[in-house]
Amino acid sequence: MEIILYLSVAVIAVAFFILVMSLMKTLKSLGSTLDSVSTTMTGLESQLQGVIRESTELLHKTNLLAEDIQKKSEDLNTVVYAVRDVGHSIQNLNNSVKKVSTSISTELERNQGKISQVVQWGNAFIELKDKWKQKQEKQPTQPDVADVAVPNQASKEVRSREKLVKRARSYNN
């Protein structure tokens, strides 16, 4: 029985040895895995520091860009207000020009008869002046013909007055 006891202790010792050996192998494997995880974590930490630094720079640039956009937007607002004011000024000018044009047109329509009379008188005056010049030119050279051609001149005067009347009527229309 003692042999069984010794044999049992020997089997337990061998089993314990095998258990210790497999535990040692597992712990070595676990240690190498933990070393790999530690290396990975160190790399991730450095990468995370880089990402944080870049994110901070990007946020700073974004803030600067937002401030610049805000400033330019305010500047653009002043330009828009100025353009709007110019538009109002042009519109007021157009309204003034319309009023002046309307008043001139109304006055022309109201005074159309007077204007046509002035034109008739002007045409008559021009024709009389032309006839007077013609008469002055003909008198020194042919004094006798003027006396003979009185009926002919009268018919010319009638025709010229008819022309004047026709012109005046065309202006009235």
N, C-alpha and C. Protein backbone atom coordinates (compact mmCIF):
# COMPACT_ATOMS: atom_id res chain seq x y z
N MET A 1 0.79 -1.13 0.00
CA MET A 1 0.00 0.00 0.00
C MET A 1 0.87 1.25 0.00
N GLU A 2 1.87 1.04 0.48
CA GLU A 2 2.80 2.12 0.47
C GLU A 2 3.26 2.40 -0.97
N ILE A 3 3.33 1.43 -1.72
CA ILE A 3 3.75 1.60 -3.10
C ILE A 3 2.67 2.39 -3.85
N ILE A 4 1.50 2.09 -3.56
CA ILE A 4 0.40 2.79 -4.22
C ILE A 4 0.47 4.27 -3.80
N LEU A 5 0.75 4.48 -2.57
CA LEU A 5 0.86 5.84 -2.08
C LEU A 5 2.02 6.54 -2.79
N TYR A 6 3.16 5.86 -2.91
CA TYR A 6 4.29 6.46 -3.59
C TYR A 6 3.99 6.66 -5.08
N LEU A 7 3.34 5.71 -5.61
CA LEU A 7 2.99 5.78 -7.02
C LEU A 7 1.98 6.92 -7.25
N SER A 8 1.05 7.09 -6.37
CA SER A 8 0.06 8.15 -6.46
C SER A 8 0.75 9.50 -6.34
N VAL A 9 1.68 9.62 -5.41
CA VAL A 9 2.40 10.87 -5.22
C VAL A 9 3.23 11.14 -6.47
N ALA A 10 3.83 10.10 -7.08
CA ALA A 10 4.64 10.27 -8.27
C ALA A 10 3.74 10.73 -9.43
N VAL A 11 2.54 10.15 -9.57
CA VAL A 11 1.61 10.52 -10.65
C VAL A 11 1.17 11.96 -10.42
N ILE A 12 0.88 12.29 -9.17
CA ILE A 12 0.46 13.65 -8.85
C ILE A 12 1.61 14.61 -9.16
N ALA A 13 2.83 14.20 -8.83
CA ALA A 13 3.98 15.06 -9.09
C ALA A 13 4.15 15.27 -10.59
N VAL A 14 4.01 14.18 -11.37
CA VAL A 14 4.15 14.28 -12.83
C VAL A 14 3.03 15.16 -13.38
N ALA A 15 1.80 14.93 -12.87
CA ALA A 15 0.66 15.71 -13.34
C ALA A 15 0.87 17.18 -12.98
N PHE A 16 1.36 17.40 -11.78
CA PHE A 16 1.62 18.77 -11.36
C PHE A 16 2.70 19.40 -12.23
N PHE A 17 3.72 18.60 -12.58
CA PHE A 17 4.79 19.08 -13.44
C PHE A 17 4.24 19.43 -14.83
N ILE A 18 3.40 18.58 -15.36
CA ILE A 18 2.81 18.82 -16.69
C ILE A 18 1.93 20.08 -16.62
N LEU A 19 1.19 20.19 -15.53
CA LEU A 19 0.32 21.34 -15.35
C LEU A 19 1.15 22.63 -15.26
N VAL A 20 2.23 22.59 -14.53
CA VAL A 20 3.09 23.75 -14.39
C VAL A 20 3.70 24.09 -15.75
N MET A 21 4.12 23.08 -16.48
CA MET A 21 4.74 23.31 -17.80
C MET A 21 3.72 23.93 -18.77
N SER A 22 2.50 23.41 -18.80
CA SER A 22 1.50 23.96 -19.72
C SER A 22 1.08 25.35 -19.26
N LEU A 23 1.04 25.57 -17.94
CA LEU A 23 0.73 26.89 -17.42
C LEU A 23 1.83 27.88 -17.78
N MET A 24 3.05 27.42 -17.73
CA MET A 24 4.19 28.25 -18.09
C MET A 24 4.15 28.60 -19.59
N LYS A 25 3.79 27.63 -20.39
CA LYS A 25 3.71 27.86 -21.83
C LYS A 25 2.59 28.86 -22.13
N THR A 26 1.48 28.71 -21.45
CA THR A 26 0.34 29.60 -21.63
C THR A 26 0.70 31.01 -21.17
N LEU A 27 1.38 31.10 -20.04
CA LEU A 27 1.77 32.42 -19.52
C LEU A 27 2.78 33.09 -20.44
N LYS A 28 3.71 32.30 -21.02
CA LYS A 28 4.65 32.88 -21.99
C LYS A 28 3.90 33.42 -23.21
N SER A 29 2.94 32.64 -23.68
CA SER A 29 2.13 33.07 -24.82
C SER A 29 1.34 34.32 -24.46
N LEU A 30 0.77 34.33 -23.27
CA LEU A 30 0.04 35.48 -22.80
C LEU A 30 0.95 36.70 -22.66
N GLY A 31 2.15 36.48 -22.22
CA GLY A 31 3.13 37.57 -22.09
C GLY A 31 3.49 38.15 -23.43
N SER A 32 3.71 37.30 -24.44
CA SER A 32 4.03 37.83 -25.78
C SER A 32 2.82 38.56 -26.37
N THR A 33 1.61 38.04 -26.08
CA THR A 33 0.40 38.72 -26.55
C THR A 33 0.27 40.09 -25.89
N LEU A 34 0.53 40.14 -24.59
CA LEU A 34 0.46 41.41 -23.87
C LEU A 34 1.53 42.38 -24.36
N ASP A 35 2.71 41.88 -24.68
CA ASP A 35 3.74 42.74 -25.26
C ASP A 35 3.28 43.32 -26.60
N SER A 36 2.65 42.47 -27.43
CA SER A 36 2.14 42.91 -28.73
C SER A 36 1.04 43.97 -28.52
N VAL A 37 0.14 43.72 -27.57
CA VAL A 37 -0.92 44.67 -27.27
C VAL A 37 -0.33 45.97 -26.76
N SER A 38 0.70 45.89 -25.93
CA SER A 38 1.35 47.09 -25.41
C SER A 38 1.99 47.88 -26.54
N THR A 39 2.65 47.20 -27.47
CA THR A 39 3.26 47.88 -28.61
C THR A 39 2.18 48.54 -29.47
N THR A 40 1.09 47.81 -29.69
CA THR A 40 -0.01 48.36 -30.48
C THR A 40 -0.61 49.58 -29.79
N MET A 41 -0.77 49.49 -28.48
CA MET A 41 -1.34 50.62 -27.73
C MET A 41 -0.41 51.82 -27.78
N THR A 42 0.88 51.60 -27.74
CA THR A 42 1.84 52.70 -27.83
C THR A 42 1.72 53.36 -29.21
N GLY A 43 1.63 52.56 -30.26
CA GLY A 43 1.46 53.09 -31.61
C GLY A 43 0.14 53.85 -31.74
N LEU A 44 -0.93 53.28 -31.16
CA LEU A 44 -2.23 53.95 -31.21
C LEU A 44 -2.19 55.27 -30.45
N GLU A 45 -1.48 55.26 -29.33
CA GLU A 45 -1.38 56.49 -28.54
C GLU A 45 -0.67 57.59 -29.32
N SER A 46 0.40 57.22 -30.02
CA SER A 46 1.12 58.23 -30.81
C SER A 46 0.26 58.70 -31.98
N GLN A 47 -0.45 57.77 -32.59
CA GLN A 47 -1.35 58.15 -33.69
C GLN A 47 -2.49 59.03 -33.18
N LEU A 48 -3.00 58.69 -32.00
CA LEU A 48 -4.08 59.48 -31.42
C LEU A 48 -3.60 60.89 -31.09
N GLN A 49 -2.35 60.99 -30.62
CA GLN A 49 -1.78 62.32 -30.35
C GLN A 49 -1.69 63.13 -31.65
N GLY A 50 -1.28 62.46 -32.75
CA GLY A 50 -1.22 63.13 -34.06
C GLY A 50 -2.60 63.59 -34.53
N VAL A 51 -3.60 62.72 -34.34
CA VAL A 51 -4.97 63.06 -34.75
C VAL A 51 -5.49 64.22 -33.91
N ILE A 52 -5.19 64.20 -32.61
CA ILE A 52 -5.64 65.29 -31.74
C ILE A 52 -4.97 66.59 -32.16
N ARG A 53 -3.67 66.56 -32.46
CA ARG A 53 -2.96 67.75 -32.89
C ARG A 53 -3.55 68.28 -34.20
N GLU A 54 -3.77 67.40 -35.18
CA GLU A 54 -4.35 67.82 -36.46
C GLU A 54 -5.78 68.34 -36.29
N SER A 55 -6.54 67.71 -35.41
CA SER A 55 -7.91 68.17 -35.15
C SER A 55 -7.89 69.56 -34.53
N THR A 56 -6.95 69.80 -33.63
CA THR A 56 -6.83 71.12 -33.02
C THR A 56 -6.46 72.17 -34.06
N GLU A 57 -5.51 71.84 -34.93
CA GLU A 57 -5.12 72.77 -35.99
C GLU A 57 -6.29 73.03 -36.94
N LEU A 58 -7.01 71.97 -37.28
CA LEU A 58 -8.16 72.10 -38.18
C LEU A 58 -9.25 72.95 -37.53
N LEU A 59 -9.49 72.75 -36.24
CA LEU A 59 -10.48 73.56 -35.54
C LEU A 59 -10.06 75.03 -35.50
N HIS A 60 -8.78 75.27 -35.30
CA HIS A 60 -8.26 76.65 -35.29
C HIS A 60 -8.45 77.30 -36.67
N LYS A 61 -8.08 76.55 -37.71
CA LYS A 61 -8.25 77.08 -39.08
C LYS A 61 -9.73 77.32 -39.39
N THR A 62 -10.59 76.42 -38.93
CA THR A 62 -12.02 76.57 -39.16
C THR A 62 -12.54 77.83 -38.47
N ASN A 63 -12.08 78.07 -37.26
CA ASN A 63 -12.48 79.29 -36.55
C ASN A 63 -12.02 80.54 -37.29
N LEU A 64 -10.76 80.52 -37.78
CA LEU A 64 -10.25 81.66 -38.54
C LEU A 64 -11.07 81.87 -39.82
N LEU A 65 -11.39 80.76 -40.48
CA LEU A 65 -12.19 80.84 -41.71
C LEU A 65 -13.59 81.38 -41.41
N ALA A 66 -14.18 80.93 -40.31
CA ALA A 66 -15.51 81.42 -39.94
C ALA A 66 -15.46 82.92 -39.65
N GLU A 67 -14.42 83.39 -38.97
CA GLU A 67 -14.28 84.82 -38.70
C GLU A 67 -14.12 85.60 -40.00
N ASP A 68 -13.30 85.05 -40.92
CA ASP A 68 -13.09 85.72 -42.21
C ASP A 68 -14.39 85.79 -43.00
N ILE A 69 -15.14 84.70 -43.00
CA ILE A 69 -16.42 84.68 -43.72
C ILE A 69 -17.38 85.68 -43.09
N GLN A 70 -17.39 85.75 -41.76
CA GLN A 70 -18.25 86.71 -41.07
C GLN A 70 -17.90 88.15 -41.47
N LYS A 71 -16.59 88.45 -41.49
CA LYS A 71 -16.15 89.80 -41.86
C LYS A 71 -16.52 90.12 -43.30
N LYS A 72 -16.27 89.17 -44.19
CA LYS A 72 -16.60 89.41 -45.60
C LYS A 72 -18.10 89.52 -45.81
N SER A 73 -18.86 88.77 -45.05
CA SER A 73 -20.32 88.87 -45.13
C SER A 73 -20.78 90.25 -44.70
N GLU A 74 -20.19 90.79 -43.64
CA GLU A 74 -20.54 92.14 -43.20
C GLU A 74 -20.15 93.17 -44.25
N ASP A 75 -18.96 92.99 -44.86
CA ASP A 75 -18.53 93.90 -45.93
C ASP A 75 -19.48 93.81 -47.11
N LEU A 76 -19.89 92.60 -47.44
CA LEU A 76 -20.81 92.38 -48.56
C LEU A 76 -22.17 93.01 -48.27
N ASN A 77 -22.57 92.98 -47.01
CA ASN A 77 -23.84 93.61 -46.65
C ASN A 77 -23.80 95.10 -46.96
N THR A 78 -22.68 95.75 -46.68
CA THR A 78 -22.58 97.19 -46.97
C THR A 78 -22.66 97.42 -48.48
N VAL A 79 -22.05 96.54 -49.26
CA VAL A 79 -22.12 96.67 -50.72
C VAL A 79 -23.57 96.48 -51.19
N VAL A 80 -24.25 95.50 -50.62
CA VAL A 80 -25.64 95.25 -51.00
C VAL A 80 -26.51 96.46 -50.66
N TYR A 81 -26.28 97.04 -49.49
CA TYR A 81 -27.05 98.22 -49.11
C TYR A 81 -26.76 99.37 -50.07
N ALA A 82 -25.50 99.53 -50.45
CA ALA A 82 -25.13 100.61 -51.38
C ALA A 82 -25.80 100.40 -52.74
N VAL A 83 -25.79 99.16 -53.23
CA VAL A 83 -26.41 98.85 -54.52
C VAL A 83 -27.92 99.11 -54.44
N ARG A 84 -28.51 98.73 -53.31
CA ARG A 84 -29.95 98.97 -53.14
C ARG A 84 -30.24 100.47 -53.17
N ASP A 85 -29.40 101.26 -52.51
CA ASP A 85 -29.60 102.71 -52.51
C ASP A 85 -29.44 103.29 -53.91
N VAL A 86 -28.46 102.78 -54.67
CA VAL A 86 -28.28 103.22 -56.05
C VAL A 86 -29.53 102.88 -56.87
N GLY A 87 -30.07 101.68 -56.63
CA GLY A 87 -31.30 101.28 -57.33
C GLY A 87 -32.45 102.22 -57.03
N HIS A 88 -32.59 102.60 -55.75
CA HIS A 88 -33.65 103.54 -55.38
C HIS A 88 -33.42 104.90 -56.05
N SER A 89 -32.16 105.34 -56.09
CA SER A 89 -31.86 106.62 -56.73
C SER A 89 -32.20 106.59 -58.21
N ILE A 90 -31.85 105.50 -58.87
CA ILE A 90 -32.16 105.37 -60.30
C ILE A 90 -33.67 105.33 -60.52
N GLN A 91 -34.37 104.65 -59.63
CA GLN A 91 -35.82 104.59 -59.75
C GLN A 91 -36.43 105.99 -59.56
N ASN A 92 -35.91 106.74 -58.59
CA ASN A 92 -36.40 108.11 -58.40
C ASN A 92 -36.10 108.97 -59.62
N LEU A 93 -34.90 108.81 -60.19
CA LEU A 93 -34.54 109.55 -61.40
C LEU A 93 -35.49 109.20 -62.55
N ASN A 94 -35.79 107.91 -62.70
CA ASN A 94 -36.71 107.48 -63.76
C ASN A 94 -38.09 108.10 -63.55
N ASN A 95 -38.54 108.12 -62.29
CA ASN A 95 -39.85 108.72 -62.02
C ASN A 95 -39.84 110.21 -62.36
N SER A 96 -38.75 110.90 -62.02
CA SER A 96 -38.64 112.32 -62.34
C SER A 96 -38.66 112.54 -63.85
N VAL A 97 -37.91 111.72 -64.58
CA VAL A 97 -37.87 111.85 -66.04
C VAL A 97 -39.25 111.58 -66.63
N LYS A 98 -39.98 110.61 -66.08
CA LYS A 98 -41.34 110.34 -66.56
C LYS A 98 -42.25 111.54 -66.32
N LYS A 99 -42.12 112.12 -65.12
CA LYS A 99 -42.96 113.28 -64.82
C LYS A 99 -42.66 114.44 -65.78
N VAL A 100 -41.36 114.70 -66.00
CA VAL A 100 -40.98 115.79 -66.91
C VAL A 100 -41.47 115.49 -68.32
N SER A 101 -41.29 114.25 -68.77
CA SER A 101 -41.74 113.88 -70.12
C SER A 101 -43.25 114.03 -70.25
N THR A 102 -43.96 113.61 -69.22
CA THR A 102 -45.42 113.72 -69.26
C THR A 102 -45.85 115.18 -69.29
N SER A 103 -45.19 116.01 -68.47
CA SER A 103 -45.58 117.43 -68.46
C SER A 103 -45.25 118.09 -69.79
N ILE A 104 -44.10 117.77 -70.38
CA ILE A 104 -43.74 118.33 -71.69
C ILE A 104 -44.74 117.88 -72.75
N SER A 105 -45.07 116.59 -72.72
CA SER A 105 -46.03 116.06 -73.70
C SER A 105 -47.39 116.72 -73.54
N THR A 106 -47.82 116.92 -72.29
CA THR A 106 -49.11 117.57 -72.04
C THR A 106 -49.09 119.00 -72.55
N GLU A 107 -48.01 119.71 -72.26
CA GLU A 107 -47.90 121.10 -72.73
C GLU A 107 -47.86 121.16 -74.25
N LEU A 108 -47.16 120.22 -74.89
CA LEU A 108 -47.12 120.20 -76.35
C LEU A 108 -48.51 119.95 -76.93
N GLU A 109 -49.25 119.02 -76.33
CA GLU A 109 -50.60 118.75 -76.82
C GLU A 109 -51.51 119.95 -76.60
N ARG A 110 -51.36 120.60 -75.45
CA ARG A 110 -52.19 121.75 -75.14
C ARG A 110 -51.86 122.93 -76.07
N ASN A 111 -50.61 123.09 -76.41
CA ASN A 111 -50.17 124.23 -77.22
C ASN A 111 -49.92 123.85 -78.67
N GLN A 112 -50.49 122.76 -79.12
CA GLN A 112 -50.24 122.29 -80.49
C GLN A 112 -50.75 123.30 -81.51
N GLY A 113 -51.89 123.85 -81.25
CA GLY A 113 -52.44 124.85 -82.18
C GLY A 113 -51.53 126.06 -82.28
N LYS A 114 -51.04 126.54 -81.14
CA LYS A 114 -50.15 127.70 -81.14
C LYS A 114 -48.85 127.38 -81.87
N ILE A 115 -48.33 126.16 -81.62
CA ILE A 115 -47.08 125.76 -82.28
C ILE A 115 -47.26 125.72 -83.79
N SER A 116 -48.39 125.16 -84.24
CA SER A 116 -48.62 125.08 -85.69
C SER A 116 -48.77 126.48 -86.29
N GLN A 117 -49.40 127.40 -85.53
CA GLN A 117 -49.52 128.77 -86.02
C GLN A 117 -48.14 129.43 -86.13
N VAL A 118 -47.30 129.19 -85.12
CA VAL A 118 -45.95 129.75 -85.17
C VAL A 118 -45.21 129.20 -86.38
N VAL A 119 -45.36 127.90 -86.64
CA VAL A 119 -44.69 127.29 -87.79
C VAL A 119 -45.23 127.90 -89.09
N GLN A 120 -46.56 128.12 -89.16
CA GLN A 120 -47.16 128.72 -90.35
C GLN A 120 -46.61 130.13 -90.57
N TRP A 121 -46.59 130.91 -89.50
CA TRP A 121 -46.08 132.27 -89.61
C TRP A 121 -44.61 132.26 -90.00
N GLY A 122 -43.88 131.33 -89.45
CA GLY A 122 -42.46 131.22 -89.80
C GLY A 122 -42.28 130.90 -91.27
N ASN A 123 -43.06 129.92 -91.77
CA ASN A 123 -42.99 129.57 -93.19
C ASN A 123 -43.40 130.74 -94.08
N ALA A 124 -44.46 131.43 -93.66
CA ALA A 124 -44.92 132.58 -94.45
C ALA A 124 -43.83 133.65 -94.47
N PHE A 125 -43.23 133.90 -93.32
CA PHE A 125 -42.17 134.90 -93.24
C PHE A 125 -41.00 134.52 -94.14
N ILE A 126 -40.61 133.25 -94.12
CA ILE A 126 -39.49 132.78 -94.95
C ILE A 126 -39.82 132.96 -96.42
N GLU A 127 -41.05 132.61 -96.81
CA GLU A 127 -41.42 132.75 -98.22
C GLU A 127 -41.46 134.22 -98.63
N LEU A 128 -42.01 135.05 -97.74
CA LEU A 128 -42.04 136.48 -98.08
C LEU A 128 -40.63 137.03 -98.20
N LYS A 129 -39.76 136.60 -97.33
CA LYS A 129 -38.36 137.05 -97.38
C LYS A 129 -37.72 136.61 -98.70
N ASP A 130 -37.98 135.31 -99.07
CA ASP A 130 -37.42 134.82 -100.33
C ASP A 130 -37.98 135.60 -101.53
N LYS A 131 -39.27 135.88 -101.50
CA LYS A 131 -39.87 136.63 -102.60
C LYS A 131 -39.31 138.05 -102.65
N TRP A 132 -39.14 138.65 -101.50
CA TRP A 132 -38.60 139.99 -101.45
C TRP A 132 -37.19 140.03 -102.03
N LYS A 133 -36.38 138.99 -101.67
CA LYS A 133 -35.03 138.90 -102.23
C LYS A 133 -35.08 138.73 -103.74
N GLN A 134 -36.00 137.87 -104.20
CA GLN A 134 -36.12 137.66 -105.64
C GLN A 134 -36.56 138.96 -106.33
N LYS A 135 -37.46 139.64 -105.70
CA LYS A 135 -37.95 140.89 -106.27
C LYS A 135 -36.83 141.93 -106.30
N GLN A 136 -36.03 141.98 -105.24
CA GLN A 136 -34.92 142.93 -105.19
C GLN A 136 -33.90 142.61 -106.28
N GLU A 137 -33.69 141.31 -106.50
CA GLU A 137 -32.72 140.92 -107.53
C GLU A 137 -33.25 141.23 -108.94
N LYS A 138 -34.57 141.09 -109.14
CA LYS A 138 -35.15 141.30 -110.47
C LYS A 138 -35.37 142.79 -110.75
N GLN A 139 -35.61 143.60 -109.81
CA GLN A 139 -35.93 145.01 -110.04
C GLN A 139 -34.82 145.78 -110.75
N PRO A 140 -33.59 145.75 -110.34
CA PRO A 140 -32.61 146.56 -111.05
C PRO A 140 -32.41 146.10 -112.49
N THR A 141 -32.53 144.84 -112.78
CA THR A 141 -32.25 144.36 -114.12
C THR A 141 -33.45 144.50 -115.03
N GLN A 142 -34.69 144.29 -114.52
CA GLN A 142 -35.88 144.33 -115.37
C GLN A 142 -37.01 145.10 -114.69
N PRO A 143 -36.96 146.40 -114.67
CA PRO A 143 -38.05 147.15 -114.04
C PRO A 143 -39.34 147.07 -114.85
N ASP A 144 -39.30 146.97 -116.16
CA ASP A 144 -40.50 146.95 -116.96
C ASP A 144 -41.21 145.61 -116.87
N VAL A 145 -40.50 144.52 -116.73
CA VAL A 145 -41.09 143.19 -116.70
C VAL A 145 -41.91 143.01 -115.43
N ALA A 146 -41.48 143.61 -114.34
CA ALA A 146 -42.23 143.49 -113.08
C ALA A 146 -43.61 144.10 -113.23
N ASP A 147 -43.69 145.21 -113.99
CA ASP A 147 -44.99 145.84 -114.16
C ASP A 147 -45.88 145.00 -115.07
N VAL A 148 -45.30 144.34 -116.06
CA VAL A 148 -46.06 143.52 -116.98
C VAL A 148 -46.49 142.22 -116.32
N ALA A 149 -45.67 141.67 -115.44
CA ALA A 149 -45.93 140.35 -114.88
C ALA A 149 -46.72 140.40 -113.59
N VAL A 150 -47.43 141.44 -113.32
CA VAL A 150 -48.21 141.55 -112.08
C VAL A 150 -49.26 140.45 -112.00
N PRO A 151 -50.01 140.19 -113.04
CA PRO A 151 -50.99 139.08 -112.91
C PRO A 151 -50.29 137.75 -112.69
N ASN A 152 -49.16 137.56 -113.31
CA ASN A 152 -48.42 136.30 -113.13
C ASN A 152 -47.92 136.19 -111.69
N GLN A 153 -47.43 137.28 -111.10
CA GLN A 153 -46.95 137.26 -109.71
C GLN A 153 -48.10 137.01 -108.75
N ALA A 154 -49.25 137.54 -109.05
CA ALA A 154 -50.41 137.33 -108.18
C ALA A 154 -50.78 135.86 -108.14
N SER A 155 -50.75 135.20 -109.29
CA SER A 155 -51.06 133.77 -109.28
C SER A 155 -49.98 132.99 -108.54
N LYS A 156 -48.72 133.43 -108.61
CA LYS A 156 -47.65 132.77 -107.87
C LYS A 156 -47.87 132.95 -106.37
N GLU A 157 -48.29 134.13 -105.97
CA GLU A 157 -48.54 134.38 -104.55
C GLU A 157 -49.69 133.52 -104.05
N VAL A 158 -50.70 133.35 -104.86
CA VAL A 158 -51.85 132.52 -104.48
C VAL A 158 -51.38 131.08 -104.30
N ARG A 159 -50.56 130.59 -105.22
CA ARG A 159 -50.05 129.22 -105.11
C ARG A 159 -49.17 129.05 -103.88
N SER A 160 -48.34 130.04 -103.62
CA SER A 160 -47.46 129.93 -102.45
C SER A 160 -48.27 129.97 -101.16
N ARG A 161 -49.32 130.77 -101.13
CA ARG A 161 -50.16 130.79 -99.93
C ARG A 161 -50.91 129.47 -99.78
N GLU A 162 -51.33 128.88 -100.89
CA GLU A 162 -51.98 127.57 -100.82
C GLU A 162 -51.00 126.53 -100.25
N LYS A 163 -49.75 126.61 -100.65
CA LYS A 163 -48.73 125.71 -100.10
C LYS A 163 -48.58 125.91 -98.61
N LEU A 164 -48.57 127.19 -98.21
CA LEU A 164 -48.46 127.48 -96.77
C LEU A 164 -49.62 126.90 -96.00
N VAL A 165 -50.81 127.02 -96.53
CA VAL A 165 -52.00 126.50 -95.87
C VAL A 165 -51.92 124.98 -95.77
N LYS A 166 -51.46 124.34 -96.84
CA LYS A 166 -51.33 122.88 -96.84
C LYS A 166 -50.31 122.44 -95.79
N ARG A 167 -49.19 123.13 -95.71
CA ARG A 167 -48.17 122.80 -94.71
C ARG A 167 -48.71 122.96 -93.29
N ALA A 168 -49.41 124.05 -93.09
CA ALA A 168 -49.97 124.30 -91.74
C ALA A 168 -50.97 123.21 -91.38
N ARG A 169 -51.78 122.82 -92.35
CA ARG A 169 -52.76 121.74 -92.06
C ARG A 169 -52.04 120.42 -91.78
N SER A 170 -50.95 120.17 -92.47
CA SER A 170 -50.22 118.92 -92.22
C SER A 170 -49.59 118.95 -90.81
N TYR A 171 -49.18 120.13 -90.33
CA TYR A 171 -48.64 120.24 -88.97
C TYR A 171 -49.72 120.04 -87.94
N ASN A 172 -50.95 120.49 -88.24
CA ASN A 172 -52.04 120.35 -87.28
C ASN A 172 -52.44 118.89 -87.14
N ASN A 173 -52.27 118.12 -88.20
CA ASN A 173 -52.66 116.71 -88.13
C ASN A 173 -51.59 115.97 -87.42
